[in-house]
Amino acid sequence: MSGMRDALVGRGVRRDRRCVADLDLTKSRQKFDRHGTLVTIGPYRWIRRPFYSSLALAVVANALTAANWFLFVTGGLVFTLLVIRCGREEENLISRFGDQYRIYMQRTGRFLPRIRRQRRL
């Protein structure tokens, strides 16, 4: 169990660091740069909400590390509120970018990378 917990902590920290290194924290929430263009590079190539995904991994890792159900429950509540917020943010992004954002939504997953099946010829 200790190895799994350490792996989760390490993975969450690496993903979070990569997100922050590629983009400023404000851009990671808004997904557009200072010029108002949609950002689809870096971690945004695969998922629309990399910061929220790394937060969820960190919550699970902290709860496992501390062996504390309270951290897990409160972290779950915070993540639930972020999921609600994501819906509102995505509505705003659709109104701002229109079809460009809808196409981006079809290509990427919200919190986890979208698995695509290979077409057989």
C-alpha atoms as a PDB file:
ATOM      1  CA  MET A   1       0.000   0.000   0.000  1.00  0.00           C
ATOM      2  CA  SER A   2       2.887   2.346   0.760  1.00  0.00           C
ATOM      3  CA  GLY A   3       4.274   1.992  -2.763  1.00  0.00           C
ATOM      4  CA  MET A   4       0.918   2.826  -4.346  1.00  0.00           C
ATOM      5  CA  ARG A   5       0.527   5.848  -2.096  1.00  0.00           C
ATOM      6  CA  ASP A   6       4.016   7.100  -2.967  1.00  0.00           C
ATOM      7  CA  ALA A   7       3.335   6.608  -6.672  1.00  0.00           C
ATOM      8  CA  LEU A   8       0.103   8.619  -6.448  1.00  0.00           C
ATOM      9  CA  VAL A   9       1.811  11.450  -4.603  1.00  0.00           C
ATOM     10  CA  GLY A  10       4.685  11.529  -7.086  1.00  0.00           C
ATOM     11  CA  ARG A  11       2.416  11.394 -10.108  1.00  0.00           C
ATOM     12  CA  GLY A  12       0.176  14.169  -8.794  1.00  0.00           C
ATOM     13  CA  VAL A  13       3.126  16.419  -8.027  1.00  0.00           C
ATOM     14  CA  ARG A  14       4.737  15.786 -11.430  1.00  0.00           C
ATOM     15  CA  ARG A  15       1.500  16.462 -13.301  1.00  0.00           C
ATOM     16  CA  ASP A  16       0.857  19.603 -11.270  1.00  0.00           C
ATOM     17  CA  ARG A  17       4.411  20.859 -11.821  1.00  0.00           C
ATOM     18  CA  ARG A  18       4.170  20.193 -15.557  1.00  0.00           C
ATOM     19  CA  CYS A  19       0.906  22.127 -15.752  1.00  0.00           C
ATOM     20  CA  VAL A  20       2.347  25.097 -13.885  1.00  0.00           C
ATOM     21  CA  ALA A  21       5.580  25.001 -15.896  1.00  0.00           C
ATOM     22  CA  ASP A  22       3.723  25.062 -19.220  1.00  0.00           C
ATOM     23  CA  LEU A  23       1.233  27.714 -18.237  1.00  0.00           C
ATOM     24  CA  ASP A  24       0.566  30.256 -15.566  1.00  0.00           C
ATOM     25  CA  LEU A  25      -2.017  29.169 -12.934  1.00  0.00           C
ATOM     26  CA  THR A  26      -4.597  31.652 -14.196  1.00  0.00           C
ATOM     27  CA  LYS A  27      -4.234  30.300 -17.708  1.00  0.00           C
ATOM     28  CA  SER A  28      -4.622  26.737 -16.458  1.00  0.00           C
ATOM     29  CA  ARG A  29      -8.093  27.608 -15.227  1.00  0.00           C
ATOM     30  CA  GLN A  30      -9.130  29.720 -18.199  1.00  0.00           C
ATOM     31  CA  LYS A  31      -7.379  27.853 -21.017  1.00  0.00           C
ATOM     32  CA  PHE A  32      -6.641  30.896 -23.126  1.00  0.00           C
ATOM     33  CA  ASP A  33      -3.549  33.043 -23.253  1.00  0.00           C
ATOM     34  CA  ARG A  34      -3.167  36.807 -22.890  1.00  0.00           C
ATOM     35  CA  HIS A  35      -4.097  37.318 -26.522  1.00  0.00           C
ATOM     36  CA  GLY A  36      -7.407  35.491 -26.121  1.00  0.00           C
ATOM     37  CA  THR A  37      -6.536  32.387 -28.125  1.00  0.00           C
ATOM     38  CA  LEU A  38      -7.478  28.904 -26.967  1.00  0.00           C
ATOM     39  CA  VAL A  39      -4.533  26.976 -25.501  1.00  0.00           C
ATOM     40  CA  THR A  40      -4.344  23.379 -26.775  1.00  0.00           C
ATOM     41  CA  ILE A  41      -0.661  22.590 -26.170  1.00  0.00           C
ATOM     42  CA  GLY A  42       1.192  21.092 -23.233  1.00  0.00           C
ATOM     43  CA  PRO A  43      -1.058  19.135 -20.874  1.00  0.00           C
ATOM     44  CA  TYR A  44      -4.113  20.625 -22.623  1.00  0.00           C
ATOM     45  CA  ARG A  45      -3.388  18.366 -25.591  1.00  0.00           C
ATOM     46  CA  TRP A  46      -4.890  15.468 -23.655  1.00  0.00           C
ATOM     47  CA  ILE A  47      -7.186  16.916 -20.969  1.00  0.00           C
ATOM     48  CA  ARG A  48      -9.079  20.159 -20.531  1.00  0.00           C
ATOM     49  CA  ARG A  49      -8.571  20.391 -16.745  1.00  0.00           C
ATOM     50  CA  PRO A  50      -5.053  19.201 -15.832  1.00  0.00           C
ATOM     51  CA  PHE A  51      -4.885  21.328 -12.681  1.00  0.00           C
ATOM     52  CA  TYR A  52      -8.108  19.851 -11.308  1.00  0.00           C
ATOM     53  CA  SER A  53      -6.931  16.330 -12.166  1.00  0.00           C
ATOM     54  CA  SER A  54      -3.693  16.831 -10.269  1.00  0.00           C
ATOM     55  CA  LEU A  55      -5.664  18.267  -7.346  1.00  0.00           C
ATOM     56  CA  ALA A  56      -7.809  15.123  -7.222  1.00  0.00           C
ATOM     57  CA  LEU A  57      -4.704  12.907  -7.254  1.00  0.00           C
ATOM     58  CA  ALA A  58      -3.162  14.981  -4.465  1.00  0.00           C
ATOM     59  CA  VAL A  59      -6.324  14.710  -2.341  1.00  0.00           C
ATOM     60  CA  VAL A  60      -6.399  10.925  -2.682  1.00  0.00           C
ATOM     61  CA  ALA A  61      -2.669  10.663  -2.005  1.00  0.00           C
ATOM     62  CA  ASN A  62      -2.885  12.887   1.083  1.00  0.00           C
ATOM     63  CA  ALA A  63      -5.846  10.958   2.450  1.00  0.00           C
ATOM     64  CA  LEU A  64      -3.991   7.661   1.947  1.00  0.00           C
ATOM     65  CA  THR A  65      -0.785   9.038   3.428  1.00  0.00           C
ATOM     66  CA  ALA A  66      -2.525  10.411   6.501  1.00  0.00           C
ATOM     67  CA  ALA A  67      -4.888   7.413   6.690  1.00  0.00           C
ATOM     68  CA  ASN A  68      -7.608   9.920   7.433  1.00  0.00           C
ATOM     69  CA  TRP A  69     -11.158   9.558   6.123  1.00  0.00           C
ATOM     70  CA  PHE A  70     -11.924  13.218   6.925  1.00  0.00           C
ATOM     71  CA  LEU A  71      -9.330  14.420   4.404  1.00  0.00           C
ATOM     72  CA  PHE A  72     -10.786  12.098   1.795  1.00  0.00           C
ATOM     73  CA  VAL A  73     -14.383  13.267   2.389  1.00  0.00           C
ATOM     74  CA  THR A  74     -13.568  16.988   2.473  1.00  0.00           C
ATOM     75  CA  GLY A  75     -11.332  16.613  -0.583  1.00  0.00           C
ATOM     76  CA  GLY A  76     -14.165  14.824  -2.362  1.00  0.00           C
ATOM     77  CA  LEU A  77     -16.523  17.681  -1.524  1.00  0.00           C
ATOM     78  CA  VAL A  78     -14.061  20.255  -2.820  1.00  0.00           C
ATOM     79  CA  PHE A  79     -13.597  18.264  -6.018  1.00  0.00           C
ATOM     80  CA  THR A  80     -17.387  18.026  -6.426  1.00  0.00           C
ATOM     81  CA  LEU A  81     -17.616  21.813  -6.200  1.00  0.00           C
ATOM     82  CA  LEU A  82     -14.854  22.109  -8.802  1.00  0.00           C
ATOM     83  CA  VAL A  83     -16.769  19.781 -11.138  1.00  0.00           C
ATOM     84  CA  ILE A  84     -19.790  22.081 -10.822  1.00  0.00           C
ATOM     85  CA  ARG A  85     -17.560  25.064 -11.500  1.00  0.00           C
ATOM     86  CA  CYS A  86     -16.109  23.312 -14.568  1.00  0.00           C
ATOM     87  CA  GLY A  87     -19.556  23.140 -16.125  1.00  0.00           C
ATOM     88  CA  ARG A  88     -19.993  26.882 -15.757  1.00  0.00           C
ATOM     89  CA  GLU A  89     -16.483  27.595 -17.022  1.00  0.00           C
ATOM     90  CA  GLU A  90     -17.029  25.431 -20.075  1.00  0.00           C
ATOM     91  CA  GLU A  91     -20.293  27.231 -20.866  1.00  0.00           C
ATOM     92  CA  ASN A  92     -18.354  30.509 -20.794  1.00  0.00           C
ATOM     93  CA  LEU A  93     -15.620  29.058 -23.001  1.00  0.00           C
ATOM     94  CA  ILE A  94     -18.197  27.789 -25.512  1.00  0.00           C
ATOM     95  CA  SER A  95     -19.750  31.242 -25.663  1.00  0.00           C
ATOM     96  CA  ARG A  96     -16.305  32.793 -26.109  1.00  0.00           C
ATOM     97  CA  PHE A  97     -14.741  30.357 -28.634  1.00  0.00           C
ATOM     98  CA  GLY A  98     -17.811  28.665 -30.139  1.00  0.00           C
ATOM     99  CA  ASP A  99     -17.235  25.713 -32.462  1.00  0.00           C
ATOM    100  CA  GLN A 100     -13.468  25.796 -31.899  1.00  0.00           C
ATOM    101  CA  TYR A 101     -14.027  24.872 -28.245  1.00  0.00           C
ATOM    102  CA  ARG A 102     -16.707  22.278 -29.081  1.00  0.00           C
ATOM    103  CA  ILE A 103     -14.241  20.498 -31.391  1.00  0.00           C
ATOM    104  CA  TYR A 104     -11.604  20.697 -28.655  1.00  0.00           C
ATOM    105  CA  MET A 105     -14.098  19.144 -26.202  1.00  0.00           C
ATOM    106  CA  GLN A 106     -14.700  16.214 -28.556  1.00  0.00           C
ATOM    107  CA  ARG A 107     -10.945  15.580 -28.859  1.00  0.00           C
ATOM    108  CA  THR A 108     -10.035  15.768 -25.163  1.00  0.00           C
ATOM    109  CA  GLY A 109     -11.391  14.458 -21.896  1.00  0.00           C
ATOM    110  CA  ARG A 110     -12.366  16.784 -19.076  1.00  0.00           C
ATOM    111  CA  PHE A 111     -10.259  15.245 -16.279  1.00  0.00           C
ATOM    112  CA  LEU A 112      -8.723  12.133 -17.872  1.00  0.00           C
ATOM    113  CA  PRO A 113      -7.355  11.626 -21.382  1.00  0.00           C
ATOM    114  CA  ARG A 114      -9.928  10.356 -23.823  1.00  0.00           C
ATOM    115  CA  ILE A 115      -9.239   6.856 -25.105  1.00  0.00           C
ATOM    116  CA  ARG A 116      -9.752   6.549 -28.805  1.00  0.00           C
ATOM    117  CA  ARG A 117     -10.276   3.303 -30.597  1.00  0.00           C
ATOM    118  CA  GLN A 118      -8.174   2.641 -33.652  1.00  0.00           C
ATOM    119  CA  ARG A 119     -10.236   2.145 -36.764  1.00  0.00           C
ATOM    120  CA  ARG A 120      -9.651  -1.128 -38.546  1.00  0.00           C
ATOM    121  CA  LEU A 121      -9.358  -1.046 -42.283  1.00  0.00           C
END
